[in-house]
Amino acid sequence: MPTLIQGAPLHIFQDIIDQTVRIVHVLGDNDIPNADVRPDNFMVSRNENNGATSDDYRVFMIDFGQSRLRRADEQDHEWGRAKWRQDEEGAVGLVMQHRLRKSGIRVDFQPSMRYLEFSETEVDDEGC
């Protein structure tokens, strides 16, 4: 996805970031964490209608090498803590927002805070 900036119309970037974050949410909603979420692991493709190009783009996640299924014995607090620490949506949303801003392109990314409740209950390995 990093090479997308070159030659792409400015108005598409918000939708691309929104799609990318939605993909991360869909994976989480289906109990699939991914320890390697980053912009390089997404591909953007222009939709074409009967050979005519448009400004409609679709985003695909292409690297699932560090993904796993939630374990059957994994408690909600363990799952939520792992998701909070990984911050998959920030790994693409915040990173792309920053990269685009450096190129003069403004997009809006707001973290969903879906796993915030698990951050407040974190305890280190020594119980502190």
N, C-alpha and C. Protein backbone atom coordinates (compact mmCIF):
# COMPACT_ATOMS: atom_id res chain seq x y z
N MET A 1 0.80 -1.20 0.00
CA MET A 1 0.00 0.00 0.00
C MET A 1 0.85 1.27 0.00
N PRO A 2 2.08 1.28 0.45
CA PRO A 2 2.86 2.52 0.49
C PRO A 2 3.02 3.20 -0.87
N THR A 3 3.08 2.46 -1.95
CA THR A 3 3.27 3.08 -3.26
C THR A 3 1.98 3.67 -3.81
N LEU A 4 0.88 3.51 -3.13
CA LEU A 4 -0.41 4.00 -3.59
C LEU A 4 -0.44 5.52 -3.75
N ILE A 5 0.32 6.23 -2.95
CA ILE A 5 0.27 7.68 -2.95
C ILE A 5 0.59 8.25 -4.33
N GLN A 6 1.50 7.63 -5.02
CA GLN A 6 1.93 8.14 -6.31
C GLN A 6 0.83 7.97 -7.35
N GLY A 7 0.34 9.07 -7.89
CA GLY A 7 -0.61 9.04 -8.99
C GLY A 7 -2.05 8.78 -8.63
N ALA A 8 -2.38 8.62 -7.38
CA ALA A 8 -3.76 8.35 -6.99
C ALA A 8 -4.49 9.66 -6.70
N PRO A 9 -5.78 9.73 -7.03
CA PRO A 9 -6.54 10.94 -6.71
C PRO A 9 -6.67 11.12 -5.20
N LEU A 10 -6.57 12.35 -4.74
CA LEU A 10 -6.55 12.64 -3.31
C LEU A 10 -7.80 12.17 -2.57
N HIS A 11 -8.95 12.22 -3.22
CA HIS A 11 -10.20 11.94 -2.52
C HIS A 11 -10.38 10.46 -2.16
N ILE A 12 -9.54 9.58 -2.64
CA ILE A 12 -9.73 8.15 -2.36
C ILE A 12 -9.12 7.71 -1.04
N PHE A 13 -8.22 8.47 -0.49
CA PHE A 13 -7.44 7.99 0.65
C PHE A 13 -8.27 7.75 1.91
N GLN A 14 -9.26 8.59 2.17
CA GLN A 14 -10.10 8.37 3.36
C GLN A 14 -10.82 7.03 3.25
N ASP A 15 -11.38 6.75 2.09
CA ASP A 15 -12.09 5.48 1.91
C ASP A 15 -11.14 4.29 2.04
N ILE A 16 -9.95 4.43 1.53
CA ILE A 16 -8.98 3.33 1.62
C ILE A 16 -8.61 3.04 3.08
N ILE A 17 -8.37 4.07 3.86
CA ILE A 17 -8.07 3.87 5.28
C ILE A 17 -9.28 3.28 6.00
N ASP A 18 -10.47 3.78 5.69
CA ASP A 18 -11.67 3.24 6.32
C ASP A 18 -11.85 1.75 5.99
N GLN A 19 -11.63 1.37 4.75
CA GLN A 19 -11.74 -0.04 4.36
C GLN A 19 -10.71 -0.89 5.10
N THR A 20 -9.50 -0.38 5.20
CA THR A 20 -8.43 -1.13 5.86
C THR A 20 -8.76 -1.39 7.32
N VAL A 21 -9.25 -0.38 8.01
CA VAL A 21 -9.62 -0.54 9.42
C VAL A 21 -10.81 -1.50 9.54
N ARG A 22 -11.77 -1.43 8.61
CA ARG A 22 -12.90 -2.37 8.65
C ARG A 22 -12.43 -3.81 8.51
N ILE A 23 -11.46 -4.04 7.65
CA ILE A 23 -10.91 -5.40 7.49
C ILE A 23 -10.33 -5.89 8.81
N VAL A 24 -9.58 -5.05 9.48
CA VAL A 24 -9.00 -5.41 10.78
C VAL A 24 -10.11 -5.73 11.78
N HIS A 25 -11.19 -4.95 11.77
CA HIS A 25 -12.31 -5.20 12.68
C HIS A 25 -13.00 -6.52 12.36
N VAL A 26 -13.20 -6.81 11.09
CA VAL A 26 -13.85 -8.07 10.70
C VAL A 26 -13.04 -9.27 11.20
N LEU A 27 -11.74 -9.20 11.06
CA LEU A 27 -10.89 -10.29 11.56
C LEU A 27 -11.05 -10.44 13.07
N GLY A 28 -11.00 -9.35 13.79
CA GLY A 28 -11.17 -9.40 15.25
C GLY A 28 -12.54 -9.91 15.65
N ASP A 29 -13.57 -9.48 14.92
CA ASP A 29 -14.93 -9.94 15.21
C ASP A 29 -15.09 -11.43 14.99
N ASN A 30 -14.21 -12.00 14.19
CA ASN A 30 -14.24 -13.43 13.90
C ASN A 30 -13.13 -14.20 14.63
N ASP A 31 -12.65 -13.59 15.71
CA ASP A 31 -11.67 -14.24 16.59
C ASP A 31 -10.36 -14.60 15.90
N ILE A 32 -9.89 -13.69 15.06
CA ILE A 32 -8.62 -13.89 14.37
C ILE A 32 -7.70 -12.72 14.68
N PRO A 33 -6.75 -12.89 15.58
CA PRO A 33 -5.75 -11.84 15.79
C PRO A 33 -4.61 -11.99 14.79
N ASN A 34 -3.99 -10.88 14.45
CA ASN A 34 -2.87 -10.90 13.51
C ASN A 34 -1.75 -10.07 14.12
N ALA A 35 -0.62 -10.68 14.37
CA ALA A 35 0.50 -10.00 15.01
C ALA A 35 1.34 -9.19 14.03
N ASP A 36 0.96 -9.18 12.76
CA ASP A 36 1.75 -8.47 11.75
C ASP A 36 0.86 -7.60 10.86
N VAL A 37 0.02 -6.78 11.49
CA VAL A 37 -0.82 -5.86 10.72
C VAL A 37 0.00 -4.61 10.45
N ARG A 38 0.16 -4.29 9.18
CA ARG A 38 0.88 -3.08 8.76
C ARG A 38 0.48 -2.76 7.33
N PRO A 39 0.67 -1.53 6.90
CA PRO A 39 0.25 -1.13 5.55
C PRO A 39 0.80 -2.02 4.44
N ASP A 40 2.01 -2.52 4.59
CA ASP A 40 2.60 -3.36 3.54
C ASP A 40 1.82 -4.66 3.32
N ASN A 41 0.99 -5.04 4.27
CA ASN A 41 0.24 -6.29 4.18
C ASN A 41 -1.16 -6.11 3.61
N PHE A 42 -1.38 -4.98 2.95
CA PHE A 42 -2.65 -4.72 2.28
C PHE A 42 -2.37 -4.37 0.83
N MET A 43 -3.32 -4.71 -0.01
CA MET A 43 -3.23 -4.40 -1.43
C MET A 43 -4.47 -3.59 -1.80
N VAL A 44 -4.29 -2.61 -2.65
CA VAL A 44 -5.40 -1.79 -3.12
C VAL A 44 -5.57 -2.03 -4.60
N SER A 45 -6.80 -2.28 -5.00
CA SER A 45 -7.09 -2.56 -6.40
C SER A 45 -8.21 -1.64 -6.88
N ARG A 46 -8.05 -1.12 -8.06
CA ARG A 46 -9.09 -0.27 -8.64
C ARG A 46 -10.17 -1.18 -9.23
N ASN A 47 -11.43 -0.88 -8.90
CA ASN A 47 -12.55 -1.60 -9.52
C ASN A 47 -12.71 -1.13 -10.94
N GLU A 48 -12.95 -2.05 -11.82
CA GLU A 48 -13.18 -1.69 -13.22
C GLU A 48 -14.53 -2.24 -13.65
N ASN A 49 -15.29 -1.41 -14.36
CA ASN A 49 -16.60 -1.80 -14.88
C ASN A 49 -16.53 -1.88 -16.39
N ASN A 50 -16.58 -3.09 -16.92
CA ASN A 50 -16.54 -3.30 -18.37
C ASN A 50 -15.36 -2.59 -19.03
N GLY A 51 -14.22 -2.62 -18.40
CA GLY A 51 -13.03 -2.03 -18.98
C GLY A 51 -12.85 -0.55 -18.69
N ALA A 52 -13.88 0.11 -18.19
CA ALA A 52 -13.76 1.53 -17.86
C ALA A 52 -13.25 1.66 -16.44
N THR A 53 -12.23 2.47 -16.24
CA THR A 53 -11.69 2.64 -14.89
C THR A 53 -12.51 3.66 -14.12
N SER A 54 -12.46 3.56 -12.84
CA SER A 54 -13.16 4.51 -11.98
C SER A 54 -12.26 4.86 -10.82
N ASP A 55 -12.75 5.71 -9.94
CA ASP A 55 -12.01 6.06 -8.74
C ASP A 55 -12.47 5.22 -7.55
N ASP A 56 -13.07 4.08 -7.84
CA ASP A 56 -13.55 3.18 -6.80
C ASP A 56 -12.47 2.13 -6.56
N TYR A 57 -11.97 2.07 -5.33
CA TYR A 57 -10.88 1.16 -4.99
C TYR A 57 -11.33 0.18 -3.91
N ARG A 58 -10.77 -1.03 -3.95
CA ARG A 58 -11.03 -2.03 -2.93
C ARG A 58 -9.71 -2.40 -2.27
N VAL A 59 -9.80 -2.66 -0.98
CA VAL A 59 -8.62 -3.00 -0.18
C VAL A 59 -8.71 -4.48 0.20
N PHE A 60 -7.57 -5.15 0.12
CA PHE A 60 -7.48 -6.56 0.48
C PHE A 60 -6.30 -6.77 1.42
N MET A 61 -6.50 -7.56 2.45
CA MET A 61 -5.37 -7.96 3.30
C MET A 61 -4.74 -9.18 2.63
N ILE A 62 -3.42 -9.16 2.49
CA ILE A 62 -2.76 -10.21 1.71
C ILE A 62 -1.77 -11.05 2.51
N ASP A 63 -1.57 -10.74 3.78
CA ASP A 63 -0.58 -11.49 4.56
C ASP A 63 -1.21 -11.92 5.87
N PHE A 64 -1.40 -13.22 6.01
CA PHE A 64 -1.99 -13.77 7.23
C PHE A 64 -1.00 -14.69 7.95
N GLY A 65 0.28 -14.54 7.65
CA GLY A 65 1.31 -15.42 8.20
C GLY A 65 1.43 -15.38 9.71
N GLN A 66 1.08 -14.25 10.33
CA GLN A 66 1.17 -14.12 11.79
C GLN A 66 -0.22 -14.12 12.43
N SER A 67 -1.20 -14.68 11.72
CA SER A 67 -2.56 -14.78 12.25
C SER A 67 -2.76 -16.11 12.95
N ARG A 68 -3.75 -16.14 13.79
CA ARG A 68 -4.13 -17.38 14.45
C ARG A 68 -5.60 -17.29 14.82
N LEU A 69 -6.19 -18.41 15.17
CA LEU A 69 -7.55 -18.42 15.68
C LEU A 69 -7.50 -18.30 17.20
N ARG A 70 -8.52 -17.68 17.74
CA ARG A 70 -8.62 -17.60 19.19
C ARG A 70 -8.73 -19.01 19.75
N ARG A 71 -7.95 -19.29 20.77
CA ARG A 71 -7.98 -20.62 21.39
C ARG A 71 -9.30 -20.83 22.14
N ALA A 72 -9.78 -22.04 22.15
CA ALA A 72 -11.04 -22.36 22.82
C ALA A 72 -10.98 -22.04 24.31
N ASP A 73 -9.80 -22.18 24.91
CA ASP A 73 -9.66 -21.92 26.35
C ASP A 73 -9.21 -20.49 26.66
N GLU A 74 -9.13 -19.63 25.67
CA GLU A 74 -8.66 -18.26 25.86
C GLU A 74 -9.78 -17.41 26.46
N GLN A 75 -9.57 -16.96 27.68
CA GLN A 75 -10.57 -16.16 28.39
C GLN A 75 -10.74 -14.79 27.72
N ASP A 76 -11.90 -14.17 27.93
CA ASP A 76 -12.18 -12.87 27.33
C ASP A 76 -11.12 -11.84 27.71
N HIS A 77 -10.70 -11.84 28.99
CA HIS A 77 -9.71 -10.84 29.40
C HIS A 77 -8.36 -11.08 28.73
N GLU A 78 -7.99 -12.34 28.51
CA GLU A 78 -6.74 -12.64 27.80
C GLU A 78 -6.84 -12.18 26.35
N TRP A 79 -7.96 -12.51 25.74
CA TRP A 79 -8.20 -12.14 24.34
C TRP A 79 -8.19 -10.61 24.19
N GLY A 80 -8.95 -9.93 25.04
CA GLY A 80 -9.04 -8.48 24.96
C GLY A 80 -7.70 -7.80 25.21
N ARG A 81 -6.95 -8.32 26.17
CA ARG A 81 -5.63 -7.75 26.46
C ARG A 81 -4.69 -7.91 25.27
N ALA A 82 -4.73 -9.09 24.65
CA ALA A 82 -3.88 -9.32 23.47
C ALA A 82 -4.27 -8.39 22.33
N LYS A 83 -5.56 -8.20 22.14
CA LYS A 83 -6.02 -7.30 21.07
C LYS A 83 -5.65 -5.85 21.38
N TRP A 84 -5.77 -5.44 22.64
CA TRP A 84 -5.42 -4.08 23.03
C TRP A 84 -3.92 -3.83 22.80
N ARG A 85 -3.11 -4.76 23.24
CA ARG A 85 -1.65 -4.59 23.11
C ARG A 85 -1.22 -4.56 21.65
N GLN A 86 -1.84 -5.36 20.82
CA GLN A 86 -1.46 -5.44 19.41
C GLN A 86 -1.85 -4.18 18.65
N ASP A 87 -2.98 -3.57 19.00
CA ASP A 87 -3.50 -2.36 18.33
C ASP A 87 -3.44 -2.48 16.81
N GLU A 88 -4.13 -3.47 16.29
CA GLU A 88 -4.11 -3.74 14.85
C GLU A 88 -4.65 -2.57 14.04
N GLU A 89 -5.73 -1.94 14.52
CA GLU A 89 -6.29 -0.84 13.73
C GLU A 89 -5.34 0.36 13.70
N GLY A 90 -4.67 0.63 14.80
CA GLY A 90 -3.70 1.71 14.83
C GLY A 90 -2.48 1.42 13.98
N ALA A 91 -2.15 0.13 13.87
CA ALA A 91 -1.00 -0.27 13.06
C ALA A 91 -1.18 0.08 11.59
N VAL A 92 -2.42 0.21 11.15
CA VAL A 92 -2.64 0.66 9.77
C VAL A 92 -3.23 2.07 9.75
N GLY A 93 -4.22 2.34 10.59
CA GLY A 93 -4.87 3.65 10.56
C GLY A 93 -3.95 4.79 10.92
N LEU A 94 -3.29 4.69 12.06
CA LEU A 94 -2.38 5.76 12.49
C LEU A 94 -1.15 5.87 11.60
N VAL A 95 -0.61 4.72 11.22
CA VAL A 95 0.59 4.73 10.38
C VAL A 95 0.28 5.37 9.03
N MET A 96 -0.83 4.97 8.40
CA MET A 96 -1.17 5.56 7.10
C MET A 96 -1.53 7.04 7.24
N GLN A 97 -2.21 7.41 8.30
CA GLN A 97 -2.53 8.81 8.53
C GLN A 97 -1.24 9.64 8.60
N HIS A 98 -0.26 9.13 9.33
CA HIS A 98 1.02 9.83 9.46
C HIS A 98 1.75 9.91 8.12
N ARG A 99 1.82 8.79 7.41
CA ARG A 99 2.52 8.78 6.12
C ARG A 99 1.86 9.73 5.12
N LEU A 100 0.55 9.71 5.08
CA LEU A 100 -0.16 10.59 4.14
C LEU A 100 0.02 12.05 4.52
N ARG A 101 -0.01 12.35 5.82
CA ARG A 101 0.19 13.73 6.27
C ARG A 101 1.55 14.25 5.82
N LYS A 102 2.58 13.39 5.87
CA LYS A 102 3.90 13.80 5.41
C LYS A 102 3.90 14.13 3.91
N SER A 103 2.94 13.58 3.17
CA SER A 103 2.81 13.87 1.74
C SER A 103 1.80 14.97 1.48
N GLY A 104 1.30 15.61 2.54
CA GLY A 104 0.36 16.70 2.38
C GLY A 104 -1.09 16.27 2.23
N ILE A 105 -1.39 15.03 2.53
CA ILE A 105 -2.75 14.50 2.39
C ILE A 105 -3.35 14.30 3.78
N ARG A 106 -4.49 14.92 4.01
CA ARG A 106 -5.15 14.82 5.32
C ARG A 106 -6.27 13.78 5.27
N VAL A 107 -6.24 12.88 6.22
CA VAL A 107 -7.31 11.90 6.40
C VAL A 107 -7.64 11.85 7.88
N ASP A 108 -8.83 11.35 8.19
CA ASP A 108 -9.27 11.27 9.57
C ASP A 108 -9.28 9.82 10.02
N PHE A 109 -8.46 9.51 10.99
CA PHE A 109 -8.51 8.20 11.64
C PHE A 109 -8.72 8.42 13.12
N GLN A 110 -9.77 7.82 13.64
CA GLN A 110 -10.05 7.87 15.07
C GLN A 110 -10.06 6.44 15.60
N PRO A 111 -9.19 6.10 16.52
CA PRO A 111 -9.21 4.74 17.08
C PRO A 111 -10.57 4.42 17.69
N SER A 112 -11.03 3.21 17.48
CA SER A 112 -12.35 2.82 17.97
C SER A 112 -12.36 2.56 19.47
N MET A 113 -11.21 2.27 20.04
CA MET A 113 -11.09 1.94 21.46
C MET A 113 -11.92 0.71 21.82
N ARG A 114 -12.07 -0.20 20.88
CA ARG A 114 -12.87 -1.41 21.08
C ARG A 114 -12.37 -2.26 22.25
N TYR A 115 -11.10 -2.21 22.52
CA TYR A 115 -10.52 -3.07 23.55
C TYR A 115 -10.01 -2.27 24.74
N LEU A 116 -10.45 -1.04 24.87
CA LEU A 116 -10.00 -0.16 25.94
C LEU A 116 -10.26 -0.76 27.33
N GLU A 117 -11.39 -1.40 27.50
CA GLU A 117 -11.72 -1.95 28.83
C GLU A 117 -10.66 -2.93 29.32
N PHE A 118 -9.95 -3.55 28.39
CA PHE A 118 -8.94 -4.54 28.78
C PHE A 118 -7.61 -3.88 29.14
N SER A 119 -7.40 -2.65 28.72
CA SER A 119 -6.16 -1.97 29.06
C SER A 119 -6.12 -1.60 30.54
N GLU A 120 -7.27 -1.32 31.10
CA GLU A 120 -7.36 -0.88 32.48
C GLU A 120 -7.14 -2.01 33.47
N THR A 121 -7.23 -3.24 33.02
CA THR A 121 -7.09 -4.37 33.93
C THR A 121 -5.77 -5.09 33.74
N GLU A 122 -4.85 -4.47 32.99
CA GLU A 122 -3.57 -5.13 32.76
C GLU A 122 -2.80 -5.29 34.06
N VAL A 123 -2.23 -6.44 34.22
CA VAL A 123 -1.39 -6.76 35.37
C VAL A 123 -0.12 -7.36 34.81
N ASP A 124 1.02 -6.93 35.33
CA ASP A 124 2.27 -7.50 34.81
C ASP A 124 2.45 -8.93 35.32
N ASP A 125 3.50 -9.57 34.86
CA ASP A 125 3.74 -10.98 35.19
C ASP A 125 3.91 -11.23 36.69
N GLU A 126 4.24 -10.20 37.45
CA GLU A 126 4.45 -10.36 38.89
C GLU A 126 3.20 -10.02 39.69
N GLY A 127 2.09 -9.75 38.99
CA GLY A 127 0.84 -9.46 39.68
C GLY A 127 0.68 -8.02 40.11
N CYS A 128 1.54 -7.13 39.65
CA CYS A 128 1.48 -5.72 40.05
C CYS A 128 0.72 -4.91 39.03
